[in-house]
Amino acid sequence: MAEYLVLTLDVDDPDVQQAFWCGALGYDHVGGVGNYRMLTDPAGRQPRLLLQKVAEHKTAKNRLHLDLHVPEHEAEVARLQALGATLVQRVDEFGMIWFVMHDPEGNEFCVCAV
């Protein structure tokens, strides 16, 4: 069994994505080498996020995305937009509400009500 989980996100610009995801998740940038930036939850409870610069650009929907569960989803959507995210759509389905968003490079993620 793994000791911890690292999610790896392919990016065009690790510095821009580092600033966005640190702000979005409240993570710390703990280091990087070359094309890599490691972000961690300061409390150590959430998975680590590795940003990996790749040569190819994003061309299709992500097969894996992050769902951010928050108590005040509309306020969080506004905060993330101020950091550079784009709101794609609001979904109200099965008695739940969530917001589909894109990070500054178009990677999908969702903001969900707790």
N, C-alpha and C. Protein backbone atom coordinates (compact mmCIF):
# COMPACT_ATOMS: atom_id res chain seq x y z
N MET A 1 0.85 -1.18 0.00
CA MET A 1 0.00 0.00 0.00
C MET A 1 0.89 1.24 0.00
N ALA A 2 0.48 2.25 -0.76
CA ALA A 2 1.27 3.48 -0.87
C ALA A 2 1.30 4.23 0.46
N GLU A 3 2.41 4.88 0.72
CA GLU A 3 2.53 5.71 1.92
C GLU A 3 1.82 7.04 1.76
N TYR A 4 1.78 7.55 0.54
CA TYR A 4 1.07 8.80 0.26
C TYR A 4 0.73 8.83 -1.23
N LEU A 5 -0.16 9.75 -1.58
CA LEU A 5 -0.64 9.87 -2.95
C LEU A 5 -0.13 11.17 -3.57
N VAL A 6 0.40 11.06 -4.79
CA VAL A 6 0.81 12.23 -5.57
C VAL A 6 0.00 12.22 -6.86
N LEU A 7 -0.69 13.32 -7.11
CA LEU A 7 -1.39 13.51 -8.37
C LEU A 7 -0.48 14.35 -9.26
N THR A 8 -0.29 13.92 -10.51
CA THR A 8 0.59 14.64 -11.43
C THR A 8 -0.25 15.32 -12.50
N LEU A 9 -0.01 16.60 -12.69
CA LEU A 9 -0.73 17.38 -13.68
C LEU A 9 0.24 17.87 -14.74
N ASP A 10 0.00 17.49 -16.00
CA ASP A 10 0.82 17.97 -17.11
C ASP A 10 0.45 19.42 -17.38
N VAL A 11 1.47 20.28 -17.54
CA VAL A 11 1.23 21.71 -17.72
C VAL A 11 2.14 22.29 -18.79
N ASP A 12 1.76 23.45 -19.30
CA ASP A 12 2.60 24.21 -20.22
C ASP A 12 3.58 25.11 -19.45
N ASP A 13 3.08 25.77 -18.41
CA ASP A 13 3.88 26.74 -17.65
C ASP A 13 3.82 26.42 -16.16
N PRO A 14 4.82 25.71 -15.65
CA PRO A 14 4.80 25.31 -14.23
C PRO A 14 4.70 26.49 -13.26
N ASP A 15 5.29 27.63 -13.60
CA ASP A 15 5.25 28.77 -12.68
C ASP A 15 3.84 29.34 -12.55
N VAL A 16 3.15 29.50 -13.69
CA VAL A 16 1.77 30.01 -13.65
C VAL A 16 0.87 29.02 -12.91
N GLN A 17 1.02 27.75 -13.23
CA GLN A 17 0.18 26.73 -12.61
C GLN A 17 0.50 26.58 -11.12
N GLN A 18 1.76 26.74 -10.75
CA GLN A 18 2.15 26.69 -9.34
C GLN A 18 1.44 27.79 -8.57
N ALA A 19 1.46 29.00 -9.08
CA ALA A 19 0.80 30.12 -8.40
C ALA A 19 -0.70 29.86 -8.28
N PHE A 20 -1.33 29.38 -9.37
CA PHE A 20 -2.76 29.12 -9.33
C PHE A 20 -3.10 28.03 -8.32
N TRP A 21 -2.48 26.87 -8.45
CA TRP A 21 -2.87 25.73 -7.60
C TRP A 21 -2.48 25.92 -6.14
N CYS A 22 -1.39 26.62 -5.85
CA CYS A 22 -1.08 26.93 -4.45
C CYS A 22 -2.18 27.82 -3.87
N GLY A 23 -2.60 28.82 -4.62
CA GLY A 23 -3.68 29.69 -4.16
C GLY A 23 -5.00 28.98 -4.07
N ALA A 24 -5.30 28.14 -5.06
CA ALA A 24 -6.59 27.44 -5.10
C ALA A 24 -6.73 26.44 -3.96
N LEU A 25 -5.67 25.70 -3.68
CA LEU A 25 -5.73 24.62 -2.69
C LEU A 25 -5.18 25.00 -1.32
N GLY A 26 -4.53 26.16 -1.23
CA GLY A 26 -3.87 26.51 0.03
C GLY A 26 -2.63 25.67 0.27
N TYR A 27 -2.04 25.19 -0.82
CA TYR A 27 -0.84 24.34 -0.74
C TYR A 27 0.42 25.21 -0.70
N ASP A 28 1.51 24.58 -0.31
CA ASP A 28 2.83 25.20 -0.33
C ASP A 28 3.65 24.61 -1.46
N HIS A 29 4.45 25.46 -2.11
CA HIS A 29 5.43 24.97 -3.08
C HIS A 29 6.64 24.55 -2.27
N VAL A 30 7.00 23.27 -2.35
CA VAL A 30 8.08 22.77 -1.50
C VAL A 30 9.35 22.46 -2.27
N GLY A 31 9.32 22.69 -3.57
CA GLY A 31 10.54 22.48 -4.33
C GLY A 31 10.25 22.08 -5.76
N GLY A 32 11.31 22.10 -6.54
CA GLY A 32 11.18 21.70 -7.92
C GLY A 32 12.54 21.61 -8.57
N VAL A 33 12.57 20.85 -9.64
CA VAL A 33 13.79 20.70 -10.42
C VAL A 33 13.38 20.70 -11.87
N GLY A 34 14.00 21.56 -12.67
CA GLY A 34 13.72 21.58 -14.10
C GLY A 34 12.26 21.78 -14.40
N ASN A 35 11.65 20.78 -14.99
CA ASN A 35 10.26 20.86 -15.43
C ASN A 35 9.24 20.46 -14.36
N TYR A 36 9.64 20.33 -13.12
CA TYR A 36 8.76 19.83 -12.07
C TYR A 36 8.62 20.81 -10.92
N ARG A 37 7.40 20.88 -10.36
CA ARG A 37 7.13 21.66 -9.15
C ARG A 37 6.28 20.79 -8.23
N MET A 38 6.69 20.64 -6.97
CA MET A 38 5.94 19.83 -6.01
C MET A 38 5.18 20.75 -5.06
N LEU A 39 3.89 20.50 -4.93
CA LEU A 39 3.01 21.26 -4.05
C LEU A 39 2.45 20.32 -3.00
N THR A 40 2.39 20.80 -1.75
CA THR A 40 1.88 19.94 -0.68
C THR A 40 0.93 20.70 0.23
N ASP A 41 0.04 19.95 0.82
CA ASP A 41 -0.88 20.46 1.84
C ASP A 41 -0.06 20.70 3.11
N PRO A 42 -0.05 21.93 3.64
CA PRO A 42 0.76 22.19 4.84
C PRO A 42 0.34 21.34 6.04
N ALA A 43 -0.91 20.90 6.08
CA ALA A 43 -1.37 20.05 7.18
C ALA A 43 -1.03 18.58 6.94
N GLY A 44 -0.62 18.24 5.72
CA GLY A 44 -0.23 16.87 5.42
C GLY A 44 -1.38 15.90 5.27
N ARG A 45 -2.60 16.39 5.11
CA ARG A 45 -3.77 15.49 5.02
C ARG A 45 -4.18 15.18 3.59
N GLN A 46 -3.89 16.07 2.65
CA GLN A 46 -4.35 15.90 1.27
C GLN A 46 -3.22 15.37 0.39
N PRO A 47 -3.57 14.84 -0.79
CA PRO A 47 -2.53 14.34 -1.71
C PRO A 47 -1.59 15.45 -2.14
N ARG A 48 -0.38 15.08 -2.47
CA ARG A 48 0.56 16.02 -3.06
C ARG A 48 0.18 16.25 -4.52
N LEU A 49 0.58 17.39 -5.06
CA LEU A 49 0.32 17.70 -6.46
C LEU A 49 1.64 18.03 -7.14
N LEU A 50 2.00 17.24 -8.14
CA LEU A 50 3.22 17.45 -8.91
C LEU A 50 2.84 18.08 -10.24
N LEU A 51 3.42 19.23 -10.54
CA LEU A 51 3.22 19.89 -11.82
C LEU A 51 4.39 19.51 -12.71
N GLN A 52 4.08 18.98 -13.89
CA GLN A 52 5.10 18.47 -14.80
C GLN A 52 4.96 19.16 -16.15
N LYS A 53 5.98 19.94 -16.53
CA LYS A 53 5.96 20.61 -17.84
C LYS A 53 6.13 19.55 -18.93
N VAL A 54 5.23 19.61 -19.91
CA VAL A 54 5.30 18.69 -21.04
C VAL A 54 5.31 19.49 -22.34
N ALA A 55 5.82 18.88 -23.40
CA ALA A 55 5.94 19.56 -24.69
C ALA A 55 4.59 19.73 -25.39
N GLU A 56 3.72 18.74 -25.26
CA GLU A 56 2.45 18.80 -25.96
C GLU A 56 1.43 19.62 -25.16
N HIS A 57 0.54 20.29 -25.88
CA HIS A 57 -0.51 21.08 -25.26
C HIS A 57 -1.74 20.22 -25.01
N LYS A 58 -2.55 20.65 -24.07
CA LYS A 58 -3.80 19.96 -23.77
C LYS A 58 -4.71 20.04 -25.00
N THR A 59 -5.28 18.89 -25.39
CA THR A 59 -6.13 18.88 -26.58
C THR A 59 -7.51 18.30 -26.33
N ALA A 60 -7.73 17.63 -25.20
CA ALA A 60 -9.03 17.00 -24.94
C ALA A 60 -9.35 17.09 -23.45
N LYS A 61 -10.54 16.65 -23.10
CA LYS A 61 -10.97 16.65 -21.71
C LYS A 61 -10.06 15.75 -20.87
N ASN A 62 -9.76 16.21 -19.66
CA ASN A 62 -8.96 15.39 -18.75
C ASN A 62 -9.69 14.10 -18.42
N ARG A 63 -8.96 13.01 -18.28
CA ARG A 63 -9.56 11.74 -17.86
C ARG A 63 -9.67 11.69 -16.33
N LEU A 64 -8.91 12.50 -15.64
CA LEU A 64 -8.95 12.60 -14.19
C LEU A 64 -8.99 14.07 -13.85
N HIS A 65 -9.88 14.46 -12.93
CA HIS A 65 -9.90 15.87 -12.52
C HIS A 65 -10.12 15.94 -11.02
N LEU A 66 -9.84 17.10 -10.46
CA LEU A 66 -10.00 17.33 -9.03
C LEU A 66 -11.41 17.84 -8.75
N ASP A 67 -12.01 17.37 -7.67
CA ASP A 67 -13.26 17.91 -7.14
C ASP A 67 -12.94 18.57 -5.81
N LEU A 68 -13.19 19.86 -5.72
CA LEU A 68 -12.94 20.61 -4.49
C LEU A 68 -14.27 20.74 -3.75
N HIS A 69 -14.39 20.10 -2.61
CA HIS A 69 -15.62 20.14 -1.81
C HIS A 69 -15.49 21.24 -0.76
N VAL A 70 -16.39 22.21 -0.84
CA VAL A 70 -16.30 23.40 0.01
C VAL A 70 -17.67 23.73 0.59
N PRO A 71 -17.71 24.39 1.75
CA PRO A 71 -19.00 24.74 2.35
C PRO A 71 -19.72 25.88 1.63
N GLU A 72 -19.00 26.82 1.07
CA GLU A 72 -19.59 27.98 0.38
C GLU A 72 -19.14 27.96 -1.07
N HIS A 73 -19.82 27.17 -1.90
CA HIS A 73 -19.33 26.96 -3.25
C HIS A 73 -19.38 28.22 -4.13
N GLU A 74 -20.38 29.06 -4.00
CA GLU A 74 -20.44 30.25 -4.86
C GLU A 74 -19.31 31.23 -4.52
N ALA A 75 -19.01 31.40 -3.25
CA ALA A 75 -17.90 32.26 -2.85
C ALA A 75 -16.57 31.67 -3.32
N GLU A 76 -16.46 30.35 -3.27
CA GLU A 76 -15.22 29.70 -3.71
C GLU A 76 -15.03 29.84 -5.22
N VAL A 77 -16.11 29.73 -5.97
CA VAL A 77 -16.03 29.92 -7.42
C VAL A 77 -15.52 31.33 -7.73
N ALA A 78 -16.04 32.32 -7.05
CA ALA A 78 -15.59 33.70 -7.26
C ALA A 78 -14.11 33.86 -6.89
N ARG A 79 -13.69 33.25 -5.79
CA ARG A 79 -12.29 33.33 -5.36
C ARG A 79 -11.38 32.69 -6.40
N LEU A 80 -11.78 31.53 -6.92
CA LEU A 80 -10.97 30.84 -7.92
C LEU A 80 -10.92 31.61 -9.23
N GLN A 81 -12.00 32.27 -9.59
CA GLN A 81 -11.99 33.11 -10.80
C GLN A 81 -11.00 34.26 -10.63
N ALA A 82 -10.93 34.83 -9.43
CA ALA A 82 -9.97 35.90 -9.17
C ALA A 82 -8.53 35.41 -9.29
N LEU A 83 -8.31 34.12 -9.05
CA LEU A 83 -6.97 33.53 -9.18
C LEU A 83 -6.64 33.16 -10.63
N GLY A 84 -7.64 33.19 -11.52
CA GLY A 84 -7.39 32.88 -12.92
C GLY A 84 -8.19 31.74 -13.50
N ALA A 85 -9.07 31.12 -12.71
CA ALA A 85 -9.91 30.04 -13.22
C ALA A 85 -11.06 30.61 -14.05
N THR A 86 -11.63 29.76 -14.88
CA THR A 86 -12.78 30.11 -15.71
C THR A 86 -13.94 29.21 -15.34
N LEU A 87 -15.11 29.81 -15.13
CA LEU A 87 -16.32 29.04 -14.88
C LEU A 87 -16.86 28.54 -16.22
N VAL A 88 -17.07 27.22 -16.32
CA VAL A 88 -17.57 26.62 -17.55
C VAL A 88 -19.08 26.42 -17.46
N GLN A 89 -19.54 25.81 -16.37
CA GLN A 89 -20.98 25.62 -16.21
C GLN A 89 -21.34 25.25 -14.78
N ARG A 90 -22.57 25.55 -14.43
CA ARG A 90 -23.16 25.12 -13.16
C ARG A 90 -24.01 23.90 -13.47
N VAL A 91 -23.86 22.86 -12.65
CA VAL A 91 -24.62 21.63 -12.84
C VAL A 91 -25.46 21.39 -11.59
N ASP A 92 -26.74 21.18 -11.80
CA ASP A 92 -27.67 20.86 -10.71
C ASP A 92 -28.30 19.52 -11.08
N GLU A 93 -27.81 18.46 -10.45
CA GLU A 93 -28.23 17.13 -10.84
C GLU A 93 -28.24 16.20 -9.62
N PHE A 94 -29.23 15.35 -9.55
CA PHE A 94 -29.35 14.37 -8.47
C PHE A 94 -29.40 15.03 -7.10
N GLY A 95 -29.95 16.26 -7.04
CA GLY A 95 -30.04 16.98 -5.78
C GLY A 95 -28.73 17.59 -5.33
N MET A 96 -27.73 17.61 -6.20
CA MET A 96 -26.43 18.19 -5.88
C MET A 96 -26.13 19.32 -6.85
N ILE A 97 -25.31 20.25 -6.40
CA ILE A 97 -24.87 21.37 -7.25
C ILE A 97 -23.35 21.34 -7.30
N TRP A 98 -22.80 21.48 -8.50
CA TRP A 98 -21.37 21.68 -8.62
C TRP A 98 -21.09 22.58 -9.81
N PHE A 99 -19.90 23.13 -9.81
CA PHE A 99 -19.47 24.06 -10.84
C PHE A 99 -18.27 23.47 -11.56
N VAL A 100 -18.37 23.33 -12.87
CA VAL A 100 -17.25 22.88 -13.68
C VAL A 100 -16.41 24.11 -14.01
N MET A 101 -15.10 24.00 -13.78
CA MET A 101 -14.20 25.13 -14.01
C MET A 101 -12.97 24.66 -14.77
N HIS A 102 -12.23 25.62 -15.31
CA HIS A 102 -10.93 25.37 -15.93
C HIS A 102 -9.87 26.15 -15.18
N ASP A 103 -8.70 25.56 -14.99
CA ASP A 103 -7.57 26.30 -14.45
C ASP A 103 -7.03 27.20 -15.57
N PRO A 104 -5.97 27.98 -15.34
CA PRO A 104 -5.49 28.90 -16.37
C PRO A 104 -5.08 28.25 -17.69
N GLU A 105 -4.81 26.94 -17.69
CA GLU A 105 -4.43 26.25 -18.92
C GLU A 105 -5.55 25.39 -19.49
N GLY A 106 -6.74 25.46 -18.90
CA GLY A 106 -7.86 24.71 -19.42
C GLY A 106 -8.08 23.34 -18.83
N ASN A 107 -7.34 22.98 -17.79
CA ASN A 107 -7.56 21.70 -17.12
C ASN A 107 -8.83 21.78 -16.30
N GLU A 108 -9.70 20.78 -16.45
CA GLU A 108 -10.99 20.78 -15.77
C GLU A 108 -10.84 20.43 -14.29
N PHE A 109 -11.70 21.07 -13.48
CA PHE A 109 -11.87 20.69 -12.08
C PHE A 109 -13.26 21.15 -11.69
N CYS A 110 -13.77 20.64 -10.58
CA CYS A 110 -15.11 20.99 -10.14
C CYS A 110 -15.08 21.54 -8.72
N VAL A 111 -15.99 22.44 -8.45
CA VAL A 111 -16.23 22.94 -7.09
C VAL A 111 -17.58 22.41 -6.69
N CYS A 112 -17.61 21.68 -5.59
CA CYS A 112 -18.82 20.98 -5.14
C CYS A 112 -19.22 21.44 -3.75
N ALA A 113 -20.53 21.47 -3.51
CA ALA A 113 -21.03 21.79 -2.17
C ALA A 113 -20.78 20.60 -1.25
N VAL A 114 -20.37 20.88 -0.04
CA VAL A 114 -20.13 19.82 0.95
C VAL A 114 -21.46 19.22 1.36
